[in-house]
Amino acid sequence: MVHSFTKNDLVRYIYKETSIAETLAIDEALDQDCVLKDAYQELLSGYRQLPKAGFNAAPTTIQNILRYSQRTALEAQH
């Protein structure tokens, strides 16, 4: 079966957002299609150059979210 993968598919693959079936199909296509592999390498290079973001919520923010979640979960049961 022939697949034609887009750059969007490759971005999803890089970010590990593809299904197992898609991942296997892209792996196989990358082994067989030099043009696709070049596009993948270019996208991967760009991905590696992006700064890595880290997010740390303040403890009070986490507590507020947990309290809200608990309160709304109880309201949904009534």
C-alpha atoms as a PDB file:
ATOM      1  CA  MET A   1       0.000   0.000   0.000  1.00  0.00           C
ATOM      2  CA  VAL A   2       1.437   3.355  -1.037  1.00  0.00           C
ATOM      3  CA  HIS A   3       1.177   6.280   1.378  1.00  0.00           C
ATOM      4  CA  SER A   4       1.916   9.873   0.555  1.00  0.00           C
ATOM      5  CA  PHE A   5       2.895  11.545   3.782  1.00  0.00           C
ATOM      6  CA  THR A   6       2.794  15.305   4.231  1.00  0.00           C
ATOM      7  CA  LYS A   7       5.112  17.534   6.215  1.00  0.00           C
ATOM      8  CA  ASN A   8       2.331  17.751   8.780  1.00  0.00           C
ATOM      9  CA  ASP A   9       2.482  13.954   9.148  1.00  0.00           C
ATOM     10  CA  LEU A  10       6.236  14.192   9.654  1.00  0.00           C
ATOM     11  CA  VAL A  11       5.823  16.882  12.318  1.00  0.00           C
ATOM     12  CA  ARG A  12       3.313  14.673  14.145  1.00  0.00           C
ATOM     13  CA  TYR A  13       5.817  11.800  13.822  1.00  0.00           C
ATOM     14  CA  ILE A  14       8.632  13.927  15.282  1.00  0.00           C
ATOM     15  CA  TYR A  15       6.443  14.936  18.220  1.00  0.00           C
ATOM     16  CA  LYS A  16       5.344  11.287  18.687  1.00  0.00           C
ATOM     17  CA  GLU A  17       1.697  12.119  17.970  1.00  0.00           C
ATOM     18  CA  THR A  18       1.157   9.390  15.389  1.00  0.00           C
ATOM     19  CA  SER A  19      -0.594   6.110  15.996  1.00  0.00           C
ATOM     20  CA  ILE A  20       1.420   2.906  16.068  1.00  0.00           C
ATOM     21  CA  ALA A  21       0.220   2.046  12.557  1.00  0.00           C
ATOM     22  CA  GLU A  22       1.164   5.506  11.248  1.00  0.00           C
ATOM     23  CA  THR A  23       4.567   5.335  12.950  1.00  0.00           C
ATOM     24  CA  LEU A  24       5.339   1.976  11.353  1.00  0.00           C
ATOM     25  CA  ALA A  25       4.178   3.193   7.948  1.00  0.00           C
ATOM     26  CA  ILE A  26       6.277   6.370   8.197  1.00  0.00           C
ATOM     27  CA  ASP A  27       9.301   4.356   9.355  1.00  0.00           C
ATOM     28  CA  GLU A  28       8.980   2.161   6.287  1.00  0.00           C
ATOM     29  CA  ALA A  29       8.403   5.126   3.965  1.00  0.00           C
ATOM     30  CA  LEU A  30      11.480   6.910   5.339  1.00  0.00           C
ATOM     31  CA  ASP A  31      13.586   3.845   4.526  1.00  0.00           C
ATOM     32  CA  GLN A  32      12.282   3.751   0.944  1.00  0.00           C
ATOM     33  CA  ASP A  33      11.740   7.403  -0.087  1.00  0.00           C
ATOM     34  CA  CYS A  34      14.802   9.661  -0.246  1.00  0.00           C
ATOM     35  CA  VAL A  35      12.736  12.817  -0.829  1.00  0.00           C
ATOM     36  CA  LEU A  36      10.591  12.081   2.231  1.00  0.00           C
ATOM     37  CA  LYS A  37      13.694  11.334   4.285  1.00  0.00           C
ATOM     38  CA  ASP A  38      15.252  14.665   3.240  1.00  0.00           C
ATOM     39  CA  ALA A  39      12.089  16.511   4.290  1.00  0.00           C
ATOM     40  CA  TYR A  40      12.102  14.616   7.597  1.00  0.00           C
ATOM     41  CA  GLN A  41      15.766  15.453   8.245  1.00  0.00           C
ATOM     42  CA  GLU A  42      15.083  19.134   7.564  1.00  0.00           C
ATOM     43  CA  LEU A  43      12.105  19.194   9.936  1.00  0.00           C
ATOM     44  CA  LEU A  44      14.004  17.243  12.576  1.00  0.00           C
ATOM     45  CA  SER A  45      16.894  19.695  12.370  1.00  0.00           C
ATOM     46  CA  GLY A  46      14.501  22.594  12.929  1.00  0.00           C
ATOM     47  CA  TYR A  47      12.842  20.773  15.824  1.00  0.00           C
ATOM     48  CA  ARG A  48      16.199  20.235  17.514  1.00  0.00           C
ATOM     49  CA  GLN A  49      17.003  23.941  17.232  1.00  0.00           C
ATOM     50  CA  LEU A  50      13.819  25.016  18.991  1.00  0.00           C
ATOM     51  CA  PRO A  51      14.249  26.010  22.627  1.00  0.00           C
ATOM     52  CA  LYS A  52      12.794  23.495  25.026  1.00  0.00           C
ATOM     53  CA  ALA A  53      10.049  24.980  27.149  1.00  0.00           C
ATOM     54  CA  GLY A  54       9.565  23.971  30.735  1.00  0.00           C
ATOM     55  CA  PHE A  55       6.527  24.802  32.778  1.00  0.00           C
ATOM     56  CA  ASN A  56       6.309  24.759  36.549  1.00  0.00           C
ATOM     57  CA  ALA A  57       3.075  25.782  38.154  1.00  0.00           C
ATOM     58  CA  ALA A  58       3.153  27.414  41.549  1.00  0.00           C
ATOM     59  CA  PRO A  59       1.946  25.130  44.384  1.00  0.00           C
ATOM     60  CA  THR A  60      -1.001  27.472  45.045  1.00  0.00           C
ATOM     61  CA  THR A  61      -2.065  27.186  41.405  1.00  0.00           C
ATOM     62  CA  ILE A  62      -2.024  23.402  41.596  1.00  0.00           C
ATOM     63  CA  GLN A  63      -4.060  23.477  44.813  1.00  0.00           C
ATOM     64  CA  ASN A  64      -6.610  25.830  43.238  1.00  0.00           C
ATOM     65  CA  ILE A  65      -7.005  23.511  40.259  1.00  0.00           C
ATOM     66  CA  LEU A  66      -7.415  20.459  42.499  1.00  0.00           C
ATOM     67  CA  ARG A  67     -10.007  22.235  44.667  1.00  0.00           C
ATOM     68  CA  TYR A  68     -11.928  23.360  41.593  1.00  0.00           C
ATOM     69  CA  SER A  69     -11.827  19.856  40.149  1.00  0.00           C
ATOM     70  CA  GLN A  70     -13.046  18.341  43.403  1.00  0.00           C
ATOM     71  CA  ARG A  71     -15.847  20.904  43.734  1.00  0.00           C
ATOM     72  CA  THR A  72     -17.091  20.470  40.159  1.00  0.00           C
ATOM     73  CA  ALA A  73     -16.872  16.679  40.372  1.00  0.00           C
ATOM     74  CA  LEU A  74     -19.153  16.754  43.416  1.00  0.00           C
ATOM     75  CA  GLU A  75     -21.585  19.120  41.665  1.00  0.00           C
ATOM     76  CA  ALA A  76     -21.786  16.785  38.655  1.00  0.00           C
ATOM     77  CA  GLN A  77     -22.811  13.881  40.905  1.00  0.00           C
ATOM     78  CA  HIS A  78     -25.843  15.734  42.291  1.00  0.00           C
END
